Amino acid sequence: MGTLSYTATISLDGYVADATGDFQWSGPSDEVFQLHIDRMGLVSTEVLGRNTYLLMKYWEADPDDDSWGAAEDEFARRWRRLEKVVVSSTLSPDQLAPDRARLVRTLDLTDLEQIVRDAPGEVEIFGPSTASAAIRAGMVRDFRFFIVPKAVGGGLSALPDDAHLDLSLVEHHIFDNGLTYLHYRSR
């Protein structure tokens, strides 16, 4: 049986993207990227929405120009081994990577509970829209926030407005670039 986690890179004022949808300000430094690689070792399954899946599809194939270094190669290797559950009413199965990805049109909490129950490790729900119902229902055990020292003034919130959380700090790290990593667990 797995556990459910939610990871987000957010602005200081709590947004994963600004009001125009831009999130380029959240790009990780080499040191932060290494932590992403390390934490991927715990994850067996990703649950993600259409936009996040299409963004992460970048990691499904090596670039033609050998522009990746060792860290990118390792992240891609770990990403490709994950089971992926893609929640979308608009994608078709032929738009998914052929291995280890399955499409579900909707994701209710009962379905998500079954995915977590069947997983051999951590299930990471990726994207605030996809994660919101699970967060509200108290299903998420671990919250991992990468907080960028920048306020964007509005946009896509990392947490639903009506979320009520009681969390305990498990781990934290402050990086040289001022980014703070906070790992919380539900009490």
N, C-alpha and C. Protein backbone atom coordinates (compact mmCIF):
# COMPACT_ATOMS: atom_id res chain seq x y z
N MET A 1 0.85 -1.19 0.00
CA MET A 1 0.00 0.00 0.00
C MET A 1 0.88 1.23 0.00
N GLY A 2 0.53 2.18 -0.85
CA GLY A 2 1.30 3.41 -0.97
C GLY A 2 0.79 4.50 -0.05
N THR A 3 1.40 5.66 -0.21
CA THR A 3 0.96 6.88 0.48
C THR A 3 0.79 7.95 -0.59
N LEU A 4 0.05 8.99 -0.25
CA LEU A 4 -0.23 10.05 -1.21
C LEU A 4 0.53 11.31 -0.82
N SER A 5 1.22 11.91 -1.79
CA SER A 5 1.94 13.15 -1.56
C SER A 5 1.57 14.18 -2.61
N TYR A 6 1.86 15.44 -2.29
CA TYR A 6 1.64 16.56 -3.20
C TYR A 6 2.89 17.42 -3.15
N THR A 7 3.45 17.69 -4.32
CA THR A 7 4.65 18.51 -4.43
C THR A 7 4.37 19.69 -5.34
N ALA A 8 4.84 20.88 -4.93
CA ALA A 8 4.64 22.07 -5.75
C ALA A 8 5.79 23.04 -5.55
N THR A 9 6.19 23.68 -6.62
CA THR A 9 7.10 24.81 -6.54
C THR A 9 6.22 26.05 -6.57
N ILE A 10 6.37 26.89 -5.54
CA ILE A 10 5.44 28.00 -5.38
C ILE A 10 6.17 29.31 -5.11
N SER A 11 5.47 30.39 -5.42
CA SER A 11 5.97 31.71 -5.07
C SER A 11 5.77 31.94 -3.58
N LEU A 12 6.41 32.96 -3.07
CA LEU A 12 6.28 33.30 -1.66
C LEU A 12 4.83 33.58 -1.27
N ASP A 13 4.05 34.06 -2.23
CA ASP A 13 2.64 34.34 -1.94
C ASP A 13 1.71 33.18 -2.33
N GLY A 14 2.28 32.00 -2.59
CA GLY A 14 1.49 30.78 -2.68
C GLY A 14 0.99 30.36 -4.05
N TYR A 15 1.60 30.82 -5.13
CA TYR A 15 1.13 30.50 -6.46
C TYR A 15 2.13 29.62 -7.22
N VAL A 16 1.59 28.69 -8.03
CA VAL A 16 2.45 27.85 -8.88
C VAL A 16 2.67 28.48 -10.24
N ALA A 17 1.80 29.40 -10.62
CA ALA A 17 1.93 30.17 -11.86
C ALA A 17 1.32 31.54 -11.60
N ASP A 18 1.82 32.56 -12.31
CA ASP A 18 1.29 33.91 -12.10
C ASP A 18 -0.04 34.08 -12.85
N ALA A 19 -0.58 35.28 -12.83
CA ALA A 19 -1.89 35.55 -13.41
C ALA A 19 -1.93 35.31 -14.92
N THR A 20 -0.77 35.35 -15.59
CA THR A 20 -0.73 35.09 -17.04
C THR A 20 -0.44 33.63 -17.34
N GLY A 21 -0.25 32.80 -16.30
CA GLY A 21 0.07 31.39 -16.49
C GLY A 21 1.56 31.10 -16.53
N ASP A 22 2.38 32.14 -16.40
CA ASP A 22 3.83 31.97 -16.45
C ASP A 22 4.36 31.34 -15.16
N PHE A 23 5.25 30.39 -15.31
CA PHE A 23 5.91 29.78 -14.16
C PHE A 23 7.42 29.67 -14.39
N GLN A 24 7.94 30.38 -15.37
CA GLN A 24 9.37 30.32 -15.67
C GLN A 24 10.23 30.76 -14.49
N TRP A 25 9.67 31.58 -13.62
CA TRP A 25 10.38 32.04 -12.43
C TRP A 25 10.66 30.90 -11.45
N SER A 26 10.06 29.74 -11.68
CA SER A 26 10.21 28.62 -10.75
C SER A 26 11.26 27.61 -11.18
N GLY A 27 11.99 27.89 -12.25
CA GLY A 27 13.00 26.94 -12.73
C GLY A 27 14.04 26.63 -11.66
N PRO A 28 14.38 25.36 -11.46
CA PRO A 28 15.28 24.98 -10.36
C PRO A 28 16.76 25.22 -10.69
N SER A 29 17.51 25.55 -9.64
CA SER A 29 18.96 25.58 -9.75
C SER A 29 19.45 24.13 -9.82
N ASP A 30 20.72 23.94 -10.09
CA ASP A 30 21.28 22.58 -10.13
C ASP A 30 21.09 21.86 -8.80
N GLU A 31 21.28 22.59 -7.71
CA GLU A 31 21.16 22.01 -6.37
C GLU A 31 19.72 21.58 -6.08
N VAL A 32 18.76 22.40 -6.48
CA VAL A 32 17.35 22.08 -6.28
C VAL A 32 16.94 20.93 -7.20
N PHE A 33 17.43 20.94 -8.42
CA PHE A 33 17.13 19.86 -9.36
C PHE A 33 17.61 18.52 -8.81
N GLN A 34 18.76 18.51 -8.14
CA GLN A 34 19.26 17.27 -7.55
C GLN A 34 18.33 16.75 -6.46
N LEU A 35 17.74 17.65 -5.69
CA LEU A 35 16.77 17.21 -4.67
C LEU A 35 15.54 16.60 -5.35
N HIS A 36 15.12 17.16 -6.47
CA HIS A 36 14.00 16.57 -7.21
C HIS A 36 14.37 15.15 -7.67
N ILE A 37 15.57 14.98 -8.15
CA ILE A 37 16.02 13.64 -8.57
C ILE A 37 16.00 12.68 -7.38
N ASP A 38 16.54 13.12 -6.27
CA ASP A 38 16.62 12.27 -5.08
C ASP A 38 15.23 11.87 -4.58
N ARG A 39 14.31 12.81 -4.51
CA ARG A 39 12.98 12.49 -3.98
C ARG A 39 12.20 11.59 -4.93
N MET A 40 12.53 11.59 -6.22
CA MET A 40 11.86 10.71 -7.18
C MET A 40 12.09 9.24 -6.85
N GLY A 41 13.13 8.93 -6.09
CA GLY A 41 13.38 7.56 -5.69
C GLY A 41 12.28 6.97 -4.82
N LEU A 42 11.51 7.82 -4.16
CA LEU A 42 10.42 7.37 -3.29
C LEU A 42 9.12 7.14 -4.06
N VAL A 43 9.01 7.76 -5.22
CA VAL A 43 7.75 7.79 -5.96
C VAL A 43 7.65 6.59 -6.90
N SER A 44 6.48 5.93 -6.87
CA SER A 44 6.22 4.83 -7.80
C SER A 44 5.19 5.21 -8.85
N THR A 45 4.32 6.17 -8.50
CA THR A 45 3.20 6.53 -9.37
C THR A 45 2.99 8.04 -9.35
N GLU A 46 2.73 8.60 -10.52
CA GLU A 46 2.37 10.02 -10.65
C GLU A 46 0.93 10.10 -11.12
N VAL A 47 0.16 10.95 -10.46
CA VAL A 47 -1.19 11.27 -10.90
C VAL A 47 -1.14 12.74 -11.31
N LEU A 48 -1.46 13.01 -12.59
CA LEU A 48 -1.32 14.37 -13.08
C LEU A 48 -2.38 14.70 -14.10
N GLY A 49 -2.68 15.97 -14.18
CA GLY A 49 -3.65 16.45 -15.15
C GLY A 49 -3.03 16.63 -16.53
N ARG A 50 -3.87 17.00 -17.47
CA ARG A 50 -3.45 17.13 -18.86
C ARG A 50 -2.30 18.10 -19.05
N ASN A 51 -2.42 19.31 -18.53
CA ASN A 51 -1.37 20.32 -18.74
C ASN A 51 -0.04 19.87 -18.15
N THR A 52 -0.08 19.33 -16.96
CA THR A 52 1.17 18.88 -16.32
C THR A 52 1.76 17.70 -17.08
N TYR A 53 0.90 16.78 -17.53
CA TYR A 53 1.40 15.65 -18.30
C TYR A 53 2.09 16.12 -19.58
N LEU A 54 1.46 17.03 -20.29
CA LEU A 54 2.05 17.52 -21.54
C LEU A 54 3.37 18.24 -21.28
N LEU A 55 3.45 18.97 -20.18
CA LEU A 55 4.71 19.62 -19.80
C LEU A 55 5.79 18.58 -19.50
N MET A 56 5.45 17.56 -18.74
CA MET A 56 6.43 16.56 -18.31
C MET A 56 6.75 15.54 -19.41
N LYS A 57 5.98 15.52 -20.47
CA LYS A 57 6.25 14.62 -21.58
C LYS A 57 7.64 14.89 -22.18
N TYR A 58 8.15 16.07 -21.94
CA TYR A 58 9.51 16.45 -22.35
C TYR A 58 10.53 15.40 -21.93
N TRP A 59 10.31 14.77 -20.77
CA TRP A 59 11.27 13.82 -20.19
C TRP A 59 11.14 12.42 -20.77
N GLU A 60 10.19 12.19 -21.65
CA GLU A 60 9.95 10.85 -22.18
C GLU A 60 10.96 10.43 -23.25
N ALA A 61 11.64 11.38 -23.88
CA ALA A 61 12.60 11.04 -24.94
C ALA A 61 13.85 11.90 -24.80
N ASP A 62 15.00 11.29 -25.03
CA ASP A 62 16.26 12.03 -24.98
C ASP A 62 16.30 13.05 -26.11
N PRO A 63 16.93 14.20 -25.87
CA PRO A 63 17.05 15.19 -26.95
C PRO A 63 17.99 14.69 -28.03
N ASP A 64 17.80 15.19 -29.23
CA ASP A 64 18.64 14.79 -30.36
C ASP A 64 20.05 15.35 -30.29
N ASP A 65 20.23 16.42 -29.54
CA ASP A 65 21.50 17.14 -29.57
C ASP A 65 22.43 16.88 -28.39
N ASP A 66 22.17 15.87 -27.59
CA ASP A 66 23.00 15.55 -26.43
C ASP A 66 23.17 16.74 -25.48
N SER A 67 22.14 17.56 -25.35
CA SER A 67 22.23 18.75 -24.49
C SER A 67 22.02 18.44 -23.02
N TRP A 68 21.53 17.26 -22.71
CA TRP A 68 21.34 16.92 -21.31
C TRP A 68 22.65 16.50 -20.68
N GLY A 69 22.79 16.86 -19.41
CA GLY A 69 23.91 16.38 -18.63
C GLY A 69 23.49 15.16 -17.83
N ALA A 70 24.36 14.73 -16.91
CA ALA A 70 24.10 13.54 -16.11
C ALA A 70 22.85 13.69 -15.25
N ALA A 71 22.61 14.89 -14.70
CA ALA A 71 21.44 15.10 -13.84
C ALA A 71 20.14 14.96 -14.64
N GLU A 72 20.08 15.54 -15.82
CA GLU A 72 18.89 15.43 -16.65
C GLU A 72 18.67 13.99 -17.10
N ASP A 73 19.74 13.30 -17.44
CA ASP A 73 19.62 11.89 -17.81
C ASP A 73 19.04 11.06 -16.67
N GLU A 74 19.50 11.32 -15.46
CA GLU A 74 19.02 10.56 -14.29
C GLU A 74 17.56 10.89 -13.99
N PHE A 75 17.20 12.17 -14.05
CA PHE A 75 15.80 12.54 -13.82
C PHE A 75 14.90 11.85 -14.85
N ALA A 76 15.29 11.91 -16.12
CA ALA A 76 14.49 11.28 -17.18
C ALA A 76 14.37 9.78 -16.95
N ARG A 77 15.45 9.13 -16.55
CA ARG A 77 15.41 7.69 -16.29
C ARG A 77 14.39 7.39 -15.18
N ARG A 78 14.45 8.16 -14.11
CA ARG A 78 13.52 7.95 -13.00
C ARG A 78 12.08 8.28 -13.41
N TRP A 79 11.90 9.35 -14.16
CA TRP A 79 10.56 9.73 -14.61
C TRP A 79 9.94 8.64 -15.46
N ARG A 80 10.72 8.08 -16.36
CA ARG A 80 10.20 7.07 -17.30
C ARG A 80 9.77 5.79 -16.60
N ARG A 81 10.36 5.45 -15.48
CA ARG A 81 10.02 4.21 -14.80
C ARG A 81 8.73 4.32 -13.98
N LEU A 82 8.25 5.54 -13.77
CA LEU A 82 7.04 5.74 -12.97
C LEU A 82 5.78 5.31 -13.72
N GLU A 83 4.85 4.76 -12.97
CA GLU A 83 3.50 4.58 -13.49
C GLU A 83 2.87 5.97 -13.51
N LYS A 84 2.12 6.27 -14.55
CA LYS A 84 1.48 7.58 -14.66
C LYS A 84 -0.01 7.40 -14.90
N VAL A 85 -0.79 8.13 -14.12
CA VAL A 85 -2.23 8.18 -14.31
C VAL A 85 -2.53 9.61 -14.74
N VAL A 86 -3.00 9.75 -15.97
CA VAL A 86 -3.24 11.07 -16.55
C VAL A 86 -4.75 11.33 -16.53
N VAL A 87 -5.13 12.40 -15.85
CA VAL A 87 -6.54 12.76 -15.72
C VAL A 87 -6.86 13.81 -16.77
N SER A 88 -7.67 13.42 -17.76
CA SER A 88 -8.01 14.36 -18.83
C SER A 88 -9.25 13.90 -19.58
N SER A 89 -10.12 14.84 -19.84
CA SER A 89 -11.29 14.54 -20.66
C SER A 89 -11.03 14.90 -22.12
N THR A 90 -9.88 15.49 -22.42
CA THR A 90 -9.61 15.94 -23.79
C THR A 90 -8.48 15.19 -24.49
N LEU A 91 -7.58 14.58 -23.74
CA LEU A 91 -6.50 13.79 -24.37
C LEU A 91 -7.07 12.46 -24.87
N SER A 92 -6.41 11.88 -25.84
CA SER A 92 -6.76 10.54 -26.30
C SER A 92 -5.61 9.60 -25.94
N PRO A 93 -5.88 8.31 -25.82
CA PRO A 93 -4.83 7.37 -25.42
C PRO A 93 -3.59 7.42 -26.32
N ASP A 94 -3.77 7.71 -27.61
CA ASP A 94 -2.61 7.75 -28.51
C ASP A 94 -1.72 8.97 -28.26
N GLN A 95 -2.16 9.92 -27.43
CA GLN A 95 -1.34 11.08 -27.09
C GLN A 95 -0.45 10.82 -25.87
N LEU A 96 -0.60 9.65 -25.27
CA LEU A 96 0.20 9.29 -24.10
C LEU A 96 1.46 8.55 -24.52
N ALA A 97 2.48 8.63 -23.68
CA ALA A 97 3.67 7.81 -23.92
C ALA A 97 3.23 6.36 -23.87
N PRO A 98 3.78 5.51 -24.74
CA PRO A 98 3.26 4.14 -24.87
C PRO A 98 3.44 3.27 -23.62
N ASP A 99 4.43 3.56 -22.81
CA ASP A 99 4.69 2.73 -21.63
C ASP A 99 4.24 3.45 -20.36
N ARG A 100 3.66 2.70 -19.46
CA ARG A 100 3.47 3.12 -18.08
C ARG A 100 2.59 4.35 -17.88
N ALA A 101 1.72 4.66 -18.83
CA ALA A 101 0.79 5.77 -18.66
C ALA A 101 -0.61 5.29 -19.03
N ARG A 102 -1.57 5.65 -18.18
CA ARG A 102 -2.95 5.32 -18.52
C ARG A 102 -3.81 6.55 -18.34
N LEU A 103 -4.82 6.62 -19.13
CA LEU A 103 -5.71 7.77 -19.17
C LEU A 103 -6.97 7.47 -18.39
N VAL A 104 -7.37 8.42 -17.54
CA VAL A 104 -8.68 8.36 -16.90
C VAL A 104 -9.39 9.67 -17.19
N ARG A 105 -10.65 9.60 -17.51
CA ARG A 105 -11.41 10.80 -17.89
C ARG A 105 -11.70 11.70 -16.69
N THR A 106 -12.02 11.08 -15.57
CA THR A 106 -12.25 11.80 -14.32
C THR A 106 -11.59 11.02 -13.20
N LEU A 107 -11.29 11.68 -12.13
CA LEU A 107 -10.65 11.02 -10.99
C LEU A 107 -11.45 11.37 -9.75
N ASP A 108 -12.25 10.41 -9.28
CA ASP A 108 -12.94 10.67 -8.03
C ASP A 108 -12.09 10.12 -6.89
N LEU A 109 -12.47 10.47 -5.68
CA LEU A 109 -11.65 10.10 -4.52
C LEU A 109 -11.58 8.59 -4.31
N THR A 110 -12.63 7.87 -4.67
CA THR A 110 -12.60 6.41 -4.55
C THR A 110 -11.55 5.82 -5.50
N ASP A 111 -11.50 6.34 -6.72
CA ASP A 111 -10.49 5.89 -7.68
C ASP A 111 -9.09 6.20 -7.17
N LEU A 112 -8.91 7.39 -6.63
CA LEU A 112 -7.60 7.78 -6.11
C LEU A 112 -7.19 6.89 -4.93
N GLU A 113 -8.13 6.59 -4.05
CA GLU A 113 -7.83 5.68 -2.93
C GLU A 113 -7.35 4.33 -3.45
N GLN A 114 -7.97 3.83 -4.51
CA GLN A 114 -7.56 2.54 -5.08
C GLN A 114 -6.16 2.64 -5.69
N ILE A 115 -5.87 3.71 -6.38
CA ILE A 115 -4.53 3.90 -6.96
C ILE A 115 -3.48 3.88 -5.86
N VAL A 116 -3.75 4.58 -4.76
CA VAL A 116 -2.80 4.62 -3.64
C VAL A 116 -2.68 3.24 -2.99
N ARG A 117 -3.80 2.56 -2.83
CA ARG A 117 -3.79 1.22 -2.22
C ARG A 117 -2.96 0.25 -3.06
N ASP A 118 -3.05 0.36 -4.38
CA ASP A 118 -2.36 -0.56 -5.28
C ASP A 118 -0.89 -0.22 -5.50
N ALA A 119 -0.48 0.97 -5.14
CA ALA A 119 0.89 1.42 -5.43
C ALA A 119 1.90 0.79 -4.48
N PRO A 120 3.06 0.42 -5.01
CA PRO A 120 4.12 -0.15 -4.16
C PRO A 120 4.93 0.91 -3.41
N GLY A 121 4.67 2.17 -3.66
CA GLY A 121 5.42 3.25 -3.01
C GLY A 121 4.57 4.50 -2.95
N GLU A 122 5.23 5.61 -2.96
CA GLU A 122 4.54 6.89 -2.86
C GLU A 122 3.84 7.24 -4.18
N VAL A 123 2.62 7.71 -4.05
CA VAL A 123 1.87 8.24 -5.18
C VAL A 123 1.93 9.75 -5.05
N GLU A 124 2.49 10.40 -6.07
CA GLU A 124 2.58 11.86 -6.05
C GLU A 124 1.49 12.41 -6.96
N ILE A 125 0.64 13.25 -6.39
CA ILE A 125 -0.37 13.92 -7.18
C ILE A 125 0.22 15.28 -7.54
N PHE A 126 0.26 15.56 -8.82
CA PHE A 126 1.06 16.64 -9.35
C PHE A 126 0.15 17.64 -10.04
N GLY A 127 0.11 18.85 -9.55
CA GLY A 127 -0.73 19.91 -10.12
C GLY A 127 -1.85 20.26 -9.17
N PRO A 128 -2.00 21.56 -8.88
CA PRO A 128 -2.98 21.96 -7.86
C PRO A 128 -4.42 21.68 -8.24
N SER A 129 -4.77 21.75 -9.50
CA SER A 129 -6.16 21.47 -9.89
C SER A 129 -6.48 19.99 -9.69
N THR A 130 -5.56 19.14 -10.10
CA THR A 130 -5.76 17.69 -9.94
C THR A 130 -5.76 17.29 -8.47
N ALA A 131 -4.96 17.97 -7.66
CA ALA A 131 -4.80 17.59 -6.25
C ALA A 131 -5.85 18.18 -5.33
N SER A 132 -6.59 19.18 -5.77
CA SER A 132 -7.44 19.94 -4.85
C SER A 132 -8.46 19.09 -4.08
N ALA A 133 -9.15 18.19 -4.74
CA ALA A 133 -10.15 17.37 -4.03
C ALA A 133 -9.50 16.48 -2.98
N ALA A 134 -8.35 15.91 -3.31
CA ALA A 134 -7.64 15.05 -2.35
C ALA A 134 -7.12 15.86 -1.16
N ILE A 135 -6.67 17.08 -1.41
CA ILE A 135 -6.20 17.94 -0.32
C ILE A 135 -7.37 18.28 0.59
N ARG A 136 -8.49 18.69 0.00
CA ARG A 136 -9.67 19.03 0.81
C ARG A 136 -10.17 17.85 1.63
N ALA A 137 -10.07 16.64 1.07
CA ALA A 137 -10.56 15.44 1.74
C ALA A 137 -9.60 14.91 2.79
N GLY A 138 -8.41 15.50 2.90
CA GLY A 138 -7.44 15.05 3.89
C GLY A 138 -6.72 13.77 3.50
N MET A 139 -6.69 13.46 2.21
CA MET A 139 -6.05 12.22 1.75
C MET A 139 -4.54 12.35 1.58
N VAL A 140 -4.04 13.57 1.45
CA VAL A 140 -2.62 13.77 1.20
C VAL A 140 -1.85 13.68 2.51
N ARG A 141 -0.89 12.76 2.57
CA ARG A 141 -0.08 12.58 3.77
C ARG A 141 1.11 13.55 3.79
N ASP A 142 1.81 13.65 2.66
CA ASP A 142 3.03 14.46 2.60
C ASP A 142 2.87 15.62 1.64
N PHE A 143 3.28 16.78 2.09
CA PHE A 143 3.29 18.00 1.28
C PHE A 143 4.74 18.44 1.15
N ARG A 144 5.19 18.63 -0.09
CA ARG A 144 6.55 19.11 -0.34
C ARG A 144 6.45 20.40 -1.14
N PHE A 145 6.91 21.48 -0.52
CA PHE A 145 6.85 22.79 -1.15
C PHE A 145 8.26 23.32 -1.38
N PHE A 146 8.51 23.74 -2.61
CA PHE A 146 9.74 24.43 -2.98
C PHE A 146 9.33 25.90 -3.12
N ILE A 147 9.71 26.72 -2.15
CA ILE A 147 9.24 28.10 -2.10
C ILE A 147 10.29 29.03 -2.69
N VAL A 148 9.92 29.65 -3.81
CA VAL A 148 10.79 30.59 -4.51
C VAL A 148 10.63 31.96 -3.86
N PRO A 149 11.73 32.65 -3.55
CA PRO A 149 11.62 33.95 -2.89
C PRO A 149 11.18 35.06 -3.86
N LYS A 150 9.96 34.92 -4.33
CA LYS A 150 9.40 35.88 -5.28
C LYS A 150 7.89 35.90 -5.06
N ALA A 151 7.31 37.09 -5.01
CA ALA A 151 5.86 37.24 -4.96
C ALA A 151 5.38 37.59 -6.36
N VAL A 152 4.35 36.89 -6.84
CA VAL A 152 3.85 37.13 -8.19
C VAL A 152 2.51 37.85 -8.21
N GLY A 153 1.89 38.04 -7.05
CA GLY A 153 0.71 38.88 -6.95
C GLY A 153 -0.61 38.26 -7.35
N GLY A 154 -0.62 37.00 -7.69
CA GLY A 154 -1.87 36.33 -8.08
C GLY A 154 -1.60 35.28 -9.13
N GLY A 155 -2.58 34.43 -9.35
CA GLY A 155 -2.43 33.38 -10.35
C GLY A 155 -3.08 32.09 -9.90
N LEU A 156 -2.43 30.98 -10.21
CA LEU A 156 -2.93 29.64 -9.84
C LEU A 156 -2.38 29.28 -8.47
N SER A 157 -3.27 29.20 -7.51
CA SER A 157 -2.88 28.92 -6.13
C SER A 157 -2.43 27.48 -5.96
N ALA A 158 -1.42 27.27 -5.14
CA ALA A 158 -0.91 25.93 -4.87
C ALA A 158 -1.88 25.10 -4.04
N LEU A 159 -2.69 25.75 -3.23
CA LEU A 159 -3.64 25.06 -2.36
C LEU A 159 -5.05 25.60 -2.60
N PRO A 160 -6.05 24.75 -2.49
CA PRO A 160 -7.42 25.25 -2.64
C PRO A 160 -7.75 26.23 -1.51
N ASP A 161 -8.56 27.23 -1.83
CA ASP A 161 -8.91 28.26 -0.85
C ASP A 161 -9.53 27.69 0.42
N ASP A 162 -10.30 26.63 0.29
CA ASP A 162 -11.02 26.09 1.43
C ASP A 162 -10.30 24.90 2.09
N ALA A 163 -8.99 24.78 1.86
CA ALA A 163 -8.23 23.69 2.48
C ALA A 163 -7.97 24.01 3.95
N HIS A 164 -8.17 23.02 4.79
CA HIS A 164 -7.86 23.13 6.21
C HIS A 164 -6.84 22.04 6.52
N LEU A 165 -5.61 22.47 6.83
CA LEU A 165 -4.52 21.52 7.03
C LEU A 165 -3.89 21.72 8.40
N ASP A 166 -3.54 20.60 9.03
CA ASP A 166 -2.77 20.62 10.26
C ASP A 166 -1.53 19.79 9.98
N LEU A 167 -0.39 20.45 9.81
CA LEU A 167 0.80 19.79 9.32
C LEU A 167 1.94 19.88 10.33
N SER A 168 2.82 18.92 10.22
CA SER A 168 4.02 18.87 11.05
C SER A 168 5.24 18.90 10.12
N LEU A 169 6.21 19.74 10.44
CA LEU A 169 7.41 19.84 9.61
C LEU A 169 8.26 18.59 9.78
N VAL A 170 8.60 17.94 8.67
CA VAL A 170 9.39 16.72 8.66
C VAL A 170 10.84 17.02 8.27
N GLU A 171 10.99 17.94 7.31
CA GLU A 171 12.31 18.21 6.75
C GLU A 171 12.29 19.61 6.14
N HIS A 172 13.43 20.27 6.16
CA HIS A 172 13.53 21.56 5.49
C HIS A 172 14.97 21.80 5.04
N HIS A 173 15.11 22.66 4.05
CA HIS A 173 16.44 23.00 3.55
C HIS A 173 16.36 24.38 2.90
N ILE A 174 17.33 25.22 3.17
CA ILE A 174 17.43 26.52 2.52
C ILE A 174 18.61 26.45 1.56
N PHE A 175 18.35 26.76 0.30
CA PHE A 175 19.37 26.68 -0.73
C PHE A 175 20.08 28.03 -0.87
N ASP A 176 21.26 28.00 -1.47
CA ASP A 176 22.07 29.20 -1.65
C ASP A 176 21.35 30.30 -2.41
N ASN A 177 20.44 29.93 -3.30
CA ASN A 177 19.72 30.93 -4.09
C ASN A 177 18.51 31.51 -3.35
N GLY A 178 18.32 31.11 -2.09
CA GLY A 178 17.22 31.62 -1.28
C GLY A 178 15.96 30.78 -1.32
N LEU A 179 15.88 29.81 -2.22
CA LEU A 179 14.73 28.92 -2.27
C LEU A 179 14.71 28.07 -1.01
N THR A 180 13.52 27.84 -0.49
CA THR A 180 13.35 27.02 0.71
C THR A 180 12.52 25.79 0.37
N TYR A 181 13.00 24.64 0.82
CA TYR A 181 12.27 23.38 0.66
C TYR A 181 11.66 23.04 2.01
N LEU A 182 10.35 22.79 2.01
CA LEU A 182 9.64 22.41 3.23
C LEU A 182 8.87 21.13 2.97
N HIS A 183 9.11 20.12 3.78
CA HIS A 183 8.38 18.86 3.70
C HIS A 183 7.55 18.75 4.96
N TYR A 184 6.23 18.74 4.78
CA TYR A 184 5.28 18.62 5.89
C TYR A 184 4.55 17.30 5.78
N ARG A 185 4.09 16.80 6.91
CA ARG A 185 3.26 15.61 6.97
C ARG A 185 1.98 15.95 7.74
N SER A 186 0.87 15.43 7.24
CA SER A 186 -0.40 15.62 7.95
C SER A 186 -0.34 14.96 9.31
N ARG A 187 -0.91 15.63 10.28
CA ARG A 187 -0.95 15.07 11.64
C ARG A 187 -2.04 14.04 11.76
